[in-house]
Amino acid sequence: MPEKELTARGEATRNRIVEAATAEFAEHGIAGARVERIVAAAGTNKAQLYAYFGSKDGLFDAIFGASLERIIEVVPLESPDLADWAVRLYDEYLRRPDLIRLATWNRLERRPAGHLVDDADRLDDRKLRIIADGQAAGSVQPGDPFDIMALVIGMSMAWSPVSNVYAATGEEPKRVHSGRRELLRECVRRAVLID
């Protein structure tokens, strides 16, 4: 059945639900999130939530899918400069720690192994081509492009909300973040790039 176009008021309600649910899922996970808290925070009702998303799981899927698309748009990999990409990912995790938390809940509650999503090929294809092109040009270390990408992402998350050592926040002094950015850039450069 084709999706009905939303009115401005309907779009505003849907957006409030997404905002409230993002915070709820990021804090409590999929199982711990409560629809009652989401609709209260969004100033709406369960009927509206279910009309837009079908179920709590459907709501999480919509939010999580949008968060992955957002990372691709906001922090695209446009060249084999993986060190720069790692630093931009670090910065995005500072801006939006909720997005990393959503991915972590998805890993913990739904996909303990393998790809985080069913359509990983679609999400990763451009990045993997850029890495493979860098390898062909001799600027990126040899190895499976997916493993190179996973390594760089892992390094970029060293201070993210999923760190088991230290989770950084945007409120820390700028000099601290500058030092981490430089360390991250240099470590990624040495690990995966060829001068």
N, C-alpha and C. Protein backbone atom coordinates (compact mmCIF):
# COMPACT_ATOMS: atom_id res chain seq x y z
N MET A 1 0.84 -1.17 0.00
CA MET A 1 0.00 0.00 0.00
C MET A 1 0.89 1.24 0.00
N PRO A 2 0.67 2.21 -0.91
CA PRO A 2 1.52 3.39 -0.96
C PRO A 2 1.38 4.22 0.31
N GLU A 3 2.48 4.81 0.71
CA GLU A 3 2.49 5.60 1.93
C GLU A 3 1.77 6.91 1.70
N LYS A 4 0.89 7.28 2.60
CA LYS A 4 0.14 8.52 2.50
C LYS A 4 1.06 9.68 2.84
N GLU A 5 0.93 10.77 2.07
CA GLU A 5 1.74 11.95 2.34
C GLU A 5 1.26 12.61 3.62
N LEU A 6 2.20 13.01 4.46
CA LEU A 6 1.85 13.61 5.74
C LEU A 6 1.55 15.09 5.60
N THR A 7 0.64 15.56 6.42
CA THR A 7 0.40 17.00 6.53
C THR A 7 1.57 17.61 7.31
N ALA A 8 1.64 18.91 7.34
CA ALA A 8 2.69 19.57 8.12
C ALA A 8 2.57 19.19 9.59
N ARG A 9 1.36 19.12 10.08
CA ARG A 9 1.13 18.75 11.48
C ARG A 9 1.54 17.29 11.73
N GLY A 10 1.19 16.40 10.78
CA GLY A 10 1.57 15.00 10.90
C GLY A 10 3.08 14.82 10.86
N GLU A 11 3.73 15.56 9.98
CA GLU A 11 5.20 15.51 9.89
C GLU A 11 5.83 15.97 11.20
N ALA A 12 5.28 17.03 11.79
CA ALA A 12 5.80 17.54 13.06
C ALA A 12 5.64 16.49 14.17
N THR A 13 4.48 15.82 14.18
CA THR A 13 4.25 14.77 15.19
C THR A 13 5.22 13.62 14.98
N ARG A 14 5.36 13.19 13.74
CA ARG A 14 6.29 12.10 13.43
C ARG A 14 7.71 12.47 13.87
N ASN A 15 8.13 13.69 13.60
CA ASN A 15 9.48 14.14 13.99
C ASN A 15 9.65 14.16 15.50
N ARG A 16 8.61 14.56 16.22
CA ARG A 16 8.69 14.55 17.70
C ARG A 16 8.82 13.13 18.22
N ILE A 17 8.09 12.21 17.59
CA ILE A 17 8.19 10.79 17.99
C ILE A 17 9.61 10.29 17.74
N VAL A 18 10.17 10.59 16.58
CA VAL A 18 11.52 10.14 16.26
C VAL A 18 12.53 10.71 17.25
N GLU A 19 12.41 11.99 17.56
CA GLU A 19 13.34 12.62 18.51
C GLU A 19 13.24 11.99 19.89
N ALA A 20 12.02 11.81 20.37
CA ALA A 20 11.82 11.21 21.70
C ALA A 20 12.28 9.76 21.71
N ALA A 21 11.97 9.03 20.65
CA ALA A 21 12.34 7.61 20.60
C ALA A 21 13.84 7.43 20.48
N THR A 22 14.50 8.32 19.75
CA THR A 22 15.96 8.23 19.63
C THR A 22 16.59 8.33 21.02
N ALA A 23 16.14 9.29 21.80
CA ALA A 23 16.68 9.44 23.16
C ALA A 23 16.33 8.23 24.02
N GLU A 24 15.11 7.76 23.91
CA GLU A 24 14.66 6.61 24.72
C GLU A 24 15.44 5.34 24.37
N PHE A 25 15.56 5.03 23.08
CA PHE A 25 16.29 3.83 22.68
C PHE A 25 17.78 3.96 23.01
N ALA A 26 18.35 5.13 22.83
CA ALA A 26 19.77 5.31 23.13
C ALA A 26 20.05 5.08 24.61
N GLU A 27 19.13 5.50 25.45
CA GLU A 27 19.35 5.35 26.90
C GLU A 27 19.00 3.96 27.42
N HIS A 28 17.91 3.37 26.91
CA HIS A 28 17.39 2.15 27.51
C HIS A 28 17.50 0.90 26.64
N GLY A 29 17.89 1.05 25.39
CA GLY A 29 17.95 -0.09 24.49
C GLY A 29 16.59 -0.42 23.92
N ILE A 30 16.53 -1.48 23.13
CA ILE A 30 15.28 -1.86 22.48
C ILE A 30 14.32 -2.45 23.51
N ALA A 31 14.78 -3.42 24.27
CA ALA A 31 13.91 -4.08 25.26
C ALA A 31 13.51 -3.13 26.38
N GLY A 32 14.41 -2.26 26.78
CA GLY A 32 14.14 -1.37 27.91
C GLY A 32 13.35 -0.12 27.56
N ALA A 33 13.28 0.23 26.28
CA ALA A 33 12.53 1.42 25.87
C ALA A 33 11.05 1.20 26.13
N ARG A 34 10.37 2.25 26.51
CA ARG A 34 8.94 2.17 26.80
C ARG A 34 8.17 3.13 25.90
N VAL A 35 7.19 2.57 25.20
CA VAL A 35 6.36 3.37 24.30
C VAL A 35 5.66 4.48 25.08
N GLU A 36 5.25 4.20 26.29
CA GLU A 36 4.56 5.20 27.11
C GLU A 36 5.45 6.43 27.32
N ARG A 37 6.72 6.22 27.59
CA ARG A 37 7.64 7.36 27.78
C ARG A 37 7.86 8.10 26.47
N ILE A 38 7.93 7.36 25.37
CA ILE A 38 8.16 7.99 24.07
C ILE A 38 6.99 8.90 23.72
N VAL A 39 5.76 8.40 23.82
CA VAL A 39 4.62 9.22 23.43
C VAL A 39 4.42 10.38 24.41
N ALA A 40 4.73 10.17 25.68
CA ALA A 40 4.63 11.29 26.64
C ALA A 40 5.63 12.38 26.27
N ALA A 41 6.87 12.00 25.98
CA ALA A 41 7.89 12.99 25.61
C ALA A 41 7.57 13.67 24.28
N ALA A 42 6.92 12.95 23.39
CA ALA A 42 6.59 13.50 22.07
C ALA A 42 5.28 14.28 22.08
N GLY A 43 4.52 14.19 23.17
CA GLY A 43 3.25 14.89 23.25
C GLY A 43 2.22 14.33 22.28
N THR A 44 2.19 13.02 22.17
CA THR A 44 1.24 12.37 21.26
C THR A 44 0.68 11.13 21.93
N ASN A 45 0.21 10.16 21.17
CA ASN A 45 -0.37 8.96 21.75
C ASN A 45 0.10 7.72 21.01
N LYS A 46 -0.19 6.56 21.60
CA LYS A 46 0.27 5.30 21.02
C LYS A 46 -0.31 5.08 19.63
N ALA A 47 -1.56 5.48 19.42
CA ALA A 47 -2.18 5.27 18.11
C ALA A 47 -1.39 5.96 17.01
N GLN A 48 -0.93 7.17 17.28
CA GLN A 48 -0.12 7.90 16.28
C GLN A 48 1.20 7.18 16.04
N LEU A 49 1.85 6.78 17.11
CA LEU A 49 3.13 6.07 16.97
C LEU A 49 2.95 4.82 16.12
N TYR A 50 1.94 4.02 16.44
CA TYR A 50 1.72 2.78 15.70
C TYR A 50 1.27 3.06 14.27
N ALA A 51 0.56 4.14 14.04
CA ALA A 51 0.14 4.48 12.68
C ALA A 51 1.35 4.81 11.81
N TYR A 52 2.33 5.48 12.38
CA TYR A 52 3.52 5.85 11.62
C TYR A 52 4.53 4.72 11.49
N PHE A 53 4.69 3.91 12.53
CA PHE A 53 5.80 2.95 12.57
C PHE A 53 5.38 1.49 12.72
N GLY A 54 4.13 1.22 13.01
CA GLY A 54 3.65 -0.15 13.10
C GLY A 54 3.86 -0.82 14.44
N SER A 55 5.03 -0.63 15.02
CA SER A 55 5.36 -1.29 16.29
C SER A 55 6.58 -0.61 16.89
N LYS A 56 6.89 -1.00 18.11
CA LYS A 56 8.11 -0.47 18.75
C LYS A 56 9.33 -0.90 17.95
N ASP A 57 9.36 -2.15 17.50
CA ASP A 57 10.49 -2.62 16.68
C ASP A 57 10.58 -1.86 15.36
N GLY A 58 9.42 -1.59 14.75
CA GLY A 58 9.40 -0.80 13.51
C GLY A 58 9.94 0.59 13.73
N LEU A 59 9.63 1.17 14.89
CA LEU A 59 10.13 2.50 15.24
C LEU A 59 11.65 2.45 15.40
N PHE A 60 12.15 1.45 16.12
CA PHE A 60 13.60 1.34 16.27
C PHE A 60 14.27 1.16 14.91
N ASP A 61 13.72 0.29 14.08
CA ASP A 61 14.29 0.05 12.75
C ASP A 61 14.38 1.35 11.94
N ALA A 62 13.31 2.15 11.99
CA ALA A 62 13.29 3.41 11.25
C ALA A 62 14.36 4.36 11.77
N ILE A 63 14.47 4.46 13.07
CA ILE A 63 15.46 5.36 13.68
C ILE A 63 16.87 4.88 13.42
N PHE A 64 17.10 3.58 13.61
CA PHE A 64 18.44 3.04 13.40
C PHE A 64 18.86 3.16 11.94
N GLY A 65 17.97 2.83 11.02
CA GLY A 65 18.27 2.96 9.60
C GLY A 65 18.60 4.40 9.23
N ALA A 66 17.83 5.34 9.76
CA ALA A 66 18.09 6.76 9.49
C ALA A 66 19.43 7.19 10.08
N SER A 67 19.80 6.64 11.24
CA SER A 67 21.09 7.02 11.85
C SER A 67 22.26 6.54 11.00
N LEU A 68 22.14 5.36 10.40
CA LEU A 68 23.20 4.86 9.53
C LEU A 68 23.30 5.70 8.26
N GLU A 69 22.16 6.06 7.70
CA GLU A 69 22.15 6.92 6.52
C GLU A 69 22.76 8.28 6.86
N ARG A 70 22.46 8.78 8.04
CA ARG A 70 22.99 10.08 8.45
C ARG A 70 24.51 10.06 8.53
N ILE A 71 25.07 9.01 9.10
CA ILE A 71 26.54 8.92 9.19
C ILE A 71 27.16 8.94 7.79
N ILE A 72 26.55 8.23 6.86
CA ILE A 72 27.06 8.19 5.49
C ILE A 72 27.02 9.57 4.86
N GLU A 73 25.94 10.31 5.11
CA GLU A 73 25.80 11.65 4.54
C GLU A 73 26.68 12.67 5.23
N VAL A 74 26.72 12.64 6.55
CA VAL A 74 27.44 13.65 7.32
C VAL A 74 28.95 13.40 7.33
N VAL A 75 29.34 12.13 7.33
CA VAL A 75 30.76 11.78 7.39
C VAL A 75 31.08 10.81 6.24
N PRO A 76 30.99 11.30 5.01
CA PRO A 76 31.26 10.39 3.89
C PRO A 76 32.76 10.12 3.74
N LEU A 77 33.07 8.97 3.21
CA LEU A 77 34.45 8.68 2.83
C LEU A 77 34.53 9.03 1.35
N GLU A 78 35.30 10.07 1.04
CA GLU A 78 35.35 10.57 -0.33
C GLU A 78 36.70 10.35 -1.00
N SER A 79 37.68 9.95 -0.21
CA SER A 79 39.01 9.69 -0.75
C SER A 79 39.68 8.65 0.13
N PRO A 80 40.80 8.09 -0.32
CA PRO A 80 41.48 7.10 0.52
C PRO A 80 42.17 7.69 1.76
N ASP A 81 41.92 8.97 2.06
CA ASP A 81 42.50 9.56 3.27
C ASP A 81 41.72 9.07 4.48
N LEU A 82 42.02 7.86 4.89
CA LEU A 82 41.31 7.22 5.98
C LEU A 82 41.59 7.88 7.33
N ALA A 83 42.74 8.54 7.44
CA ALA A 83 43.07 9.23 8.69
C ALA A 83 42.13 10.42 8.90
N ASP A 84 41.87 11.16 7.86
CA ASP A 84 40.94 12.28 7.94
C ASP A 84 39.53 11.77 8.25
N TRP A 85 39.13 10.68 7.59
CA TRP A 85 37.81 10.11 7.82
C TRP A 85 37.66 9.68 9.28
N ALA A 86 38.68 9.06 9.86
CA ALA A 86 38.62 8.62 11.26
C ALA A 86 38.40 9.81 12.19
N VAL A 87 39.08 10.91 11.92
CA VAL A 87 38.93 12.11 12.76
C VAL A 87 37.53 12.68 12.61
N ARG A 88 37.00 12.71 11.41
CA ARG A 88 35.64 13.22 11.22
C ARG A 88 34.61 12.31 11.91
N LEU A 89 34.85 11.00 11.91
CA LEU A 89 33.98 10.08 12.65
C LEU A 89 34.05 10.38 14.15
N TYR A 90 35.26 10.57 14.67
CA TYR A 90 35.44 10.92 16.09
C TYR A 90 34.60 12.15 16.44
N ASP A 91 34.68 13.18 15.59
CA ASP A 91 33.93 14.40 15.84
C ASP A 91 32.42 14.16 15.82
N GLU A 92 31.98 13.31 14.91
CA GLU A 92 30.54 13.01 14.84
C GLU A 92 30.07 12.26 16.08
N TYR A 93 30.89 11.37 16.61
CA TYR A 93 30.53 10.66 17.83
C TYR A 93 30.41 11.62 19.01
N LEU A 94 31.21 12.69 19.00
CA LEU A 94 31.09 13.70 20.05
C LEU A 94 29.78 14.46 19.90
N ARG A 95 29.43 14.79 18.66
CA ARG A 95 28.19 15.54 18.40
C ARG A 95 26.95 14.71 18.68
N ARG A 96 26.99 13.43 18.29
CA ARG A 96 25.80 12.58 18.37
C ARG A 96 26.12 11.24 19.03
N PRO A 97 26.42 11.23 20.32
CA PRO A 97 26.72 9.97 21.00
C PRO A 97 25.53 9.00 20.98
N ASP A 98 24.32 9.54 20.83
CA ASP A 98 23.14 8.68 20.79
C ASP A 98 23.18 7.72 19.60
N LEU A 99 23.78 8.13 18.49
CA LEU A 99 23.82 7.27 17.31
C LEU A 99 24.71 6.05 17.55
N ILE A 100 25.80 6.23 18.25
CA ILE A 100 26.67 5.09 18.58
C ILE A 100 25.97 4.18 19.59
N ARG A 101 25.26 4.76 20.50
CA ARG A 101 24.53 3.95 21.48
C ARG A 101 23.46 3.10 20.80
N LEU A 102 22.77 3.66 19.79
CA LEU A 102 21.78 2.88 19.05
C LEU A 102 22.42 1.67 18.38
N ALA A 103 23.57 1.90 17.75
CA ALA A 103 24.27 0.79 17.09
C ALA A 103 24.69 -0.26 18.11
N THR A 104 25.09 0.17 19.28
CA THR A 104 25.51 -0.77 20.33
C THR A 104 24.32 -1.59 20.81
N TRP A 105 23.19 -0.94 21.02
CA TRP A 105 22.00 -1.70 21.44
C TRP A 105 21.59 -2.70 20.37
N ASN A 106 21.68 -2.29 19.11
CA ASN A 106 21.35 -3.21 18.02
C ASN A 106 22.28 -4.43 18.06
N ARG A 107 23.55 -4.19 18.30
CA ARG A 107 24.52 -5.29 18.39
C ARG A 107 24.21 -6.18 19.59
N LEU A 108 23.94 -5.59 20.73
CA LEU A 108 23.71 -6.37 21.95
C LEU A 108 22.40 -7.15 21.91
N GLU A 109 21.34 -6.53 21.39
CA GLU A 109 20.02 -7.14 21.49
C GLU A 109 19.57 -7.89 20.25
N ARG A 110 20.18 -7.60 19.10
CA ARG A 110 19.68 -8.22 17.88
C ARG A 110 20.73 -9.00 17.09
N ARG A 111 21.90 -8.46 16.95
CA ARG A 111 22.91 -9.05 16.07
C ARG A 111 24.24 -9.19 16.78
N PRO A 112 24.39 -10.21 17.59
CA PRO A 112 25.63 -10.37 18.34
C PRO A 112 26.83 -10.72 17.46
N ALA A 113 26.61 -11.15 16.22
CA ALA A 113 27.73 -11.50 15.33
C ALA A 113 27.37 -11.11 13.90
N GLY A 114 28.40 -11.00 13.09
CA GLY A 114 28.19 -10.67 11.68
C GLY A 114 27.91 -9.20 11.47
N HIS A 115 27.37 -8.89 10.30
CA HIS A 115 27.06 -7.50 9.97
C HIS A 115 25.99 -6.95 10.90
N LEU A 116 26.04 -5.66 11.11
CA LEU A 116 25.09 -5.00 11.98
C LEU A 116 23.71 -4.86 11.34
N VAL A 117 23.66 -4.86 10.01
CA VAL A 117 22.41 -4.70 9.26
C VAL A 117 22.37 -5.66 8.08
N ASP A 118 21.17 -5.89 7.57
CA ASP A 118 21.01 -6.77 6.41
C ASP A 118 21.60 -6.18 5.14
N ASP A 119 21.51 -4.88 4.97
CA ASP A 119 21.96 -4.25 3.73
C ASP A 119 23.35 -3.62 3.86
N ALA A 120 24.25 -4.29 4.55
CA ALA A 120 25.60 -3.76 4.75
C ALA A 120 26.30 -3.50 3.43
N ASP A 121 26.07 -4.35 2.43
CA ASP A 121 26.72 -4.13 1.14
C ASP A 121 26.34 -2.78 0.56
N ARG A 122 25.07 -2.42 0.64
CA ARG A 122 24.62 -1.14 0.11
C ARG A 122 25.24 0.02 0.88
N LEU A 123 25.31 -0.12 2.19
CA LEU A 123 25.85 0.95 3.02
C LEU A 123 27.36 1.10 2.87
N ASP A 124 28.05 0.00 2.65
CA ASP A 124 29.52 0.02 2.64
C ASP A 124 30.14 0.05 1.25
N ASP A 125 29.37 -0.22 0.22
CA ASP A 125 29.92 -0.40 -1.11
C ASP A 125 30.83 0.74 -1.56
N ARG A 126 30.38 1.98 -1.43
CA ARG A 126 31.18 3.13 -1.88
C ARG A 126 32.49 3.21 -1.09
N LYS A 127 32.42 3.03 0.22
CA LYS A 127 33.62 3.10 1.05
C LYS A 127 34.61 2.00 0.66
N LEU A 128 34.10 0.81 0.44
CA LEU A 128 34.98 -0.31 0.08
C LEU A 128 35.63 -0.09 -1.28
N ARG A 129 34.90 0.50 -2.21
CA ARG A 129 35.49 0.82 -3.53
C ARG A 129 36.61 1.85 -3.40
N ILE A 130 36.38 2.86 -2.56
CA ILE A 130 37.40 3.90 -2.37
C ILE A 130 38.65 3.29 -1.73
N ILE A 131 38.47 2.44 -0.75
CA ILE A 131 39.62 1.77 -0.11
C ILE A 131 40.34 0.89 -1.12
N ALA A 132 39.60 0.11 -1.91
CA ALA A 132 40.21 -0.76 -2.93
C ALA A 132 40.95 0.07 -3.96
N ASP A 133 40.39 1.20 -4.36
CA ASP A 133 41.07 2.09 -5.31
C ASP A 133 42.37 2.63 -4.70
N GLY A 134 42.33 2.95 -3.41
CA GLY A 134 43.55 3.41 -2.72
C GLY A 134 44.59 2.31 -2.66
N GLN A 135 44.14 1.08 -2.46
CA GLN A 135 45.08 -0.04 -2.46
C GLN A 135 45.68 -0.22 -3.85
N ALA A 136 44.87 -0.12 -4.88
CA ALA A 136 45.37 -0.27 -6.25
C ALA A 136 46.36 0.83 -6.60
N ALA A 137 46.16 2.03 -6.03
CA ALA A 137 47.07 3.15 -6.28
C ALA A 137 48.30 3.10 -5.38
N GLY A 138 48.33 2.17 -4.42
CA GLY A 138 49.48 2.03 -3.53
C GLY A 138 49.47 2.96 -2.33
N SER A 139 48.32 3.58 -2.02
CA SER A 139 48.28 4.50 -0.88
C SER A 139 47.64 3.90 0.37
N VAL A 140 47.02 2.71 0.23
CA VAL A 140 46.39 2.04 1.37
C VAL A 140 46.99 0.63 1.48
N GLN A 141 47.22 0.21 2.72
CA GLN A 141 47.80 -1.11 2.97
C GLN A 141 46.99 -2.21 2.28
N PRO A 142 47.65 -3.27 1.84
CA PRO A 142 46.90 -4.39 1.28
C PRO A 142 46.10 -5.09 2.39
N GLY A 143 45.09 -5.80 1.97
CA GLY A 143 44.22 -6.51 2.90
C GLY A 143 42.79 -6.38 2.42
N ASP A 144 41.92 -7.10 3.05
CA ASP A 144 40.51 -7.03 2.70
C ASP A 144 40.02 -5.60 2.98
N PRO A 145 39.45 -4.91 1.97
CA PRO A 145 38.97 -3.54 2.20
C PRO A 145 37.98 -3.44 3.35
N PHE A 146 37.15 -4.47 3.54
CA PHE A 146 36.21 -4.44 4.66
C PHE A 146 36.97 -4.43 5.99
N ASP A 147 38.01 -5.23 6.10
CA ASP A 147 38.79 -5.28 7.34
C ASP A 147 39.50 -3.95 7.59
N ILE A 148 40.00 -3.33 6.53
CA ILE A 148 40.64 -2.00 6.67
C ILE A 148 39.61 -1.01 7.20
N MET A 149 38.41 -1.01 6.58
CA MET A 149 37.35 -0.11 7.01
C MET A 149 36.99 -0.36 8.47
N ALA A 150 36.82 -1.61 8.86
CA ALA A 150 36.45 -1.96 10.23
C ALA A 150 37.52 -1.50 11.22
N LEU A 151 38.78 -1.65 10.85
CA LEU A 151 39.88 -1.22 11.71
C LEU A 151 39.84 0.29 11.93
N VAL A 152 39.65 1.05 10.87
CA VAL A 152 39.61 2.50 10.98
C VAL A 152 38.42 2.94 11.82
N ILE A 153 37.27 2.35 11.58
CA ILE A 153 36.09 2.70 12.38
C ILE A 153 36.34 2.37 13.85
N GLY A 154 36.91 1.21 14.11
CA GLY A 154 37.23 0.83 15.49
C GLY A 154 38.17 1.83 16.15
N MET A 155 39.17 2.28 15.42
CA MET A 155 40.10 3.26 15.98
C MET A 155 39.38 4.59 16.24
N SER A 156 38.47 4.96 15.36
CA SER A 156 37.75 6.23 15.54
C SER A 156 36.85 6.19 16.76
N MET A 157 36.48 5.00 17.20
CA MET A 157 35.57 4.84 18.33
C MET A 157 36.30 4.67 19.67
N ALA A 158 37.60 4.87 19.68
CA ALA A 158 38.39 4.64 20.90
C ALA A 158 37.87 5.41 22.10
N TRP A 159 37.31 6.61 21.88
CA TRP A 159 36.80 7.44 22.99
C TRP A 159 35.30 7.63 22.89
N SER A 160 34.62 6.79 22.14
CA SER A 160 33.18 6.94 21.94
C SER A 160 32.40 6.39 23.13
N PRO A 161 31.08 6.53 23.13
CA PRO A 161 30.29 6.01 24.26
C PRO A 161 30.39 4.50 24.46
N VAL A 162 30.94 3.77 23.49
CA VAL A 162 31.06 2.32 23.67
C VAL A 162 32.46 1.91 24.13
N SER A 163 33.31 2.87 24.38
CA SER A 163 34.66 2.56 24.86
C SER A 163 34.60 1.89 26.23
N ASN A 164 35.39 0.85 26.41
CA ASN A 164 35.45 0.23 27.74
C ASN A 164 36.58 0.83 28.56
N VAL A 165 37.18 1.91 28.04
CA VAL A 165 38.26 2.58 28.76
C VAL A 165 37.84 3.98 29.19
N TYR A 166 37.33 4.78 28.22
CA TYR A 166 36.97 6.17 28.52
C TYR A 166 36.03 6.70 27.45
N ALA A 167 34.92 7.26 27.84
CA ALA A 167 33.98 7.86 26.89
C ALA A 167 34.11 9.38 26.95
N ALA A 168 34.49 9.97 25.84
CA ALA A 168 34.68 11.41 25.75
C ALA A 168 33.33 12.11 25.59
N THR A 169 33.32 13.39 25.93
CA THR A 169 32.14 14.22 25.70
C THR A 169 32.58 15.52 25.04
N GLY A 170 31.62 16.19 24.45
CA GLY A 170 31.89 17.47 23.80
C GLY A 170 32.24 18.57 24.79
N GLU A 171 31.98 18.35 26.07
CA GLU A 171 32.24 19.37 27.09
C GLU A 171 33.71 19.41 27.54
N GLU A 172 34.49 18.45 27.14
CA GLU A 172 35.90 18.45 27.53
C GLU A 172 36.63 19.61 26.83
N PRO A 173 37.77 20.03 27.38
CA PRO A 173 38.50 21.14 26.78
C PRO A 173 38.90 20.86 25.32
N LYS A 174 38.87 21.90 24.51
CA LYS A 174 39.20 21.78 23.09
C LYS A 174 40.60 21.20 22.89
N ARG A 175 41.54 21.56 23.75
CA ARG A 175 42.91 21.07 23.61
C ARG A 175 42.97 19.54 23.76
N VAL A 176 42.10 18.99 24.61
CA VAL A 176 42.05 17.54 24.80
C VAL A 176 41.61 16.88 23.50
N HIS A 177 40.55 17.41 22.90
CA HIS A 177 40.06 16.85 21.64
C HIS A 177 41.07 17.04 20.51
N SER A 178 41.74 18.16 20.50
CA SER A 178 42.77 18.39 19.48
C SER A 178 43.88 17.35 19.59
N GLY A 179 44.29 17.06 20.80
CA GLY A 179 45.33 16.05 21.01
C GLY A 179 44.87 14.67 20.57
N ARG A 180 43.64 14.33 20.88
CA ARG A 180 43.11 13.03 20.45
C ARG A 180 43.00 12.95 18.94
N ARG A 181 42.54 14.03 18.32
CA ARG A 181 42.42 14.03 16.86
C ARG A 181 43.78 13.80 16.21
N GLU A 182 44.79 14.47 16.71
CA GLU A 182 46.13 14.31 16.13
C GLU A 182 46.67 12.90 16.35
N LEU A 183 46.47 12.36 17.54
CA LEU A 183 46.90 10.99 17.83
C LEU A 183 46.17 10.01 16.92
N LEU A 184 44.86 10.16 16.79
CA LEU A 184 44.06 9.28 15.95
C LEU A 184 44.51 9.37 14.50
N ARG A 185 44.69 10.59 14.01
CA ARG A 185 45.12 10.80 12.62
C ARG A 185 46.46 10.10 12.36
N GLU A 186 47.39 10.26 13.28
CA GLU A 186 48.72 9.67 13.11
C GLU A 186 48.67 8.15 13.20
N CYS A 187 47.91 7.62 14.15
CA CYS A 187 47.82 6.17 14.30
C CYS A 187 47.16 5.51 13.09
N VAL A 188 46.08 6.10 12.58
CA VAL A 188 45.44 5.56 11.39
C VAL A 188 46.38 5.66 10.20
N ARG A 189 47.05 6.80 10.08
CA ARG A 189 47.99 6.98 8.97
C ARG A 189 49.06 5.89 8.99
N ARG A 190 49.63 5.64 10.15
CA ARG A 190 50.68 4.62 10.26
C ARG A 190 50.14 3.20 10.08
N ALA A 191 48.92 2.95 10.52
CA ALA A 191 48.36 1.60 10.47
C ALA A 191 47.91 1.19 9.07
N VAL A 192 47.28 2.10 8.34
CA VAL A 192 46.65 1.66 7.10
C VAL A 192 47.08 2.42 5.85
N LEU A 193 47.78 3.52 6.00
CA LEU A 193 48.17 4.29 4.82
C LEU A 193 49.64 4.05 4.48
N ILE A 194 49.95 4.18 3.22
CA ILE A 194 51.31 4.03 2.73
C ILE A 194 51.77 5.37 2.21
N ASP A 195 52.88 5.88 2.76
CA ASP A 195 53.39 7.18 2.30
C ASP A 195 54.12 7.07 0.98
